[in-house]
């Protein structure tokens, strides 16, 4: 199982956890072999989106790349659990 890669805080425009997870997911999209990591990150995003209204707003606000990253992941992944998480 591959280890989760951590994105540095300096590269984030917002310090929220979901933005960091979306940045990790975007990075994973370029490497299709990391399905375990994509599964883990999307499950964390799912949990945050289900439990926090602020997270849902952050992902869907105008100017946010959250939806674009999720759609890109849907287009590129072949892992069923990742698709279900999104």
Protein backbone atom coordinates (compact mmCIF):
# COMPACT_ATOMS: atom_id res chain seq x y z
CA UNK A 1 0.00 0.00 0.00
CA UNK A 2 1.44 3.35 -0.96
CA UNK A 3 1.92 6.05 1.61
CA UNK A 4 -0.11 9.23 1.44
CA UNK A 5 1.84 12.14 0.05
CA UNK A 6 1.51 15.31 2.05
CA UNK A 7 1.13 18.63 0.28
CA UNK A 8 2.93 21.51 1.98
CA UNK A 9 0.88 24.27 3.54
CA UNK A 10 2.70 26.94 1.53
CA UNK A 11 1.23 25.60 -1.70
CA UNK A 12 -2.32 25.97 -0.42
CA UNK A 13 -4.32 29.12 -1.04
CA UNK A 14 -6.54 28.32 1.92
CA UNK A 15 -5.54 26.54 5.09
CA UNK A 16 -8.63 24.35 5.20
CA UNK A 17 -8.31 20.60 5.20
CA UNK A 18 -10.53 20.02 2.16
CA UNK A 19 -8.38 22.31 0.00
CA UNK A 20 -5.35 20.27 0.97
CA UNK A 21 -7.14 17.03 0.17
CA UNK A 22 -8.27 18.40 -3.19
CA UNK A 23 -4.69 19.40 -3.97
CA UNK A 24 -3.55 15.87 -3.14
CA UNK A 25 -6.29 14.41 -5.32
CA UNK A 26 -5.29 16.66 -8.20
CA UNK A 27 -1.69 15.47 -7.85
CA UNK A 28 -2.85 11.84 -7.75
CA UNK A 29 -4.84 12.33 -10.97
CA UNK A 30 -1.59 12.57 -12.90
CA UNK A 31 -0.45 9.16 -11.61
CA UNK A 32 -3.12 6.57 -12.33
CA UNK A 33 -1.31 3.81 -10.42
CA UNK A 34 -2.12 5.25 -6.99
CA UNK A 35 -5.66 3.94 -6.58
CA UNK A 36 -5.21 3.23 -2.85
CA UNK A 37 -4.21 6.81 -2.20
CA UNK A 38 -7.03 8.18 -4.37
CA UNK A 39 -9.47 5.97 -2.50
CA UNK A 40 -8.19 7.25 0.85
CA UNK A 41 -8.27 10.93 -0.15
CA UNK A 42 -11.75 10.72 -1.69
CA UNK A 43 -13.09 8.96 1.40
CA UNK A 44 -11.73 11.81 3.55
CA UNK A 45 -13.32 14.40 1.23
CA UNK A 46 -16.61 12.48 1.35
CA UNK A 47 -16.55 12.40 5.15
CA UNK A 48 -15.83 16.13 5.38
CA UNK A 49 -18.50 17.00 2.81
CA UNK A 50 -21.10 14.94 4.65
CA UNK A 51 -20.29 16.33 8.07
CA UNK A 52 -19.49 20.00 7.45
CA UNK A 53 -21.55 22.59 5.59
CA UNK A 54 -18.50 24.86 5.29
CA UNK A 55 -16.67 22.14 3.36
CA UNK A 56 -19.53 21.75 0.88
CA UNK A 57 -19.56 25.51 0.27
CA UNK A 58 -15.77 25.64 -0.19
CA UNK A 59 -15.86 22.90 -2.80
CA UNK A 60 -18.70 24.42 -4.82
CA UNK A 61 -18.04 28.18 -4.59
CA UNK A 62 -17.35 30.14 -7.71
CA UNK A 63 -13.63 30.27 -8.36
CA UNK A 64 -12.98 27.03 -6.49
CA UNK A 65 -11.39 24.19 -8.41
CA UNK A 66 -13.02 21.58 -6.18
CA UNK A 67 -15.64 20.44 -8.65
CA UNK A 68 -13.14 20.44 -11.52
CA UNK A 69 -10.79 18.18 -9.57
CA UNK A 70 -13.62 15.80 -8.69
CA UNK A 71 -14.84 15.67 -12.29
CA UNK A 72 -11.31 15.10 -13.55
CA UNK A 73 -10.92 12.26 -11.07
CA UNK A 74 -14.17 10.70 -12.27
CA UNK A 75 -12.93 10.87 -15.85
CA UNK A 76 -9.52 9.37 -15.10
CA UNK A 77 -10.13 6.70 -12.46
CA UNK A 78 -11.10 3.11 -13.02
CA UNK A 79 -11.42 2.33 -9.32
CA UNK A 80 -15.05 1.71 -8.33
CA UNK A 81 -14.64 2.76 -4.69
CA UNK A 82 -13.09 6.08 -5.70
CA UNK A 83 -16.02 6.73 -8.03
CA UNK A 84 -18.51 5.85 -5.29
CA UNK A 85 -16.75 8.17 -2.84
CA UNK A 86 -17.08 11.07 -5.26
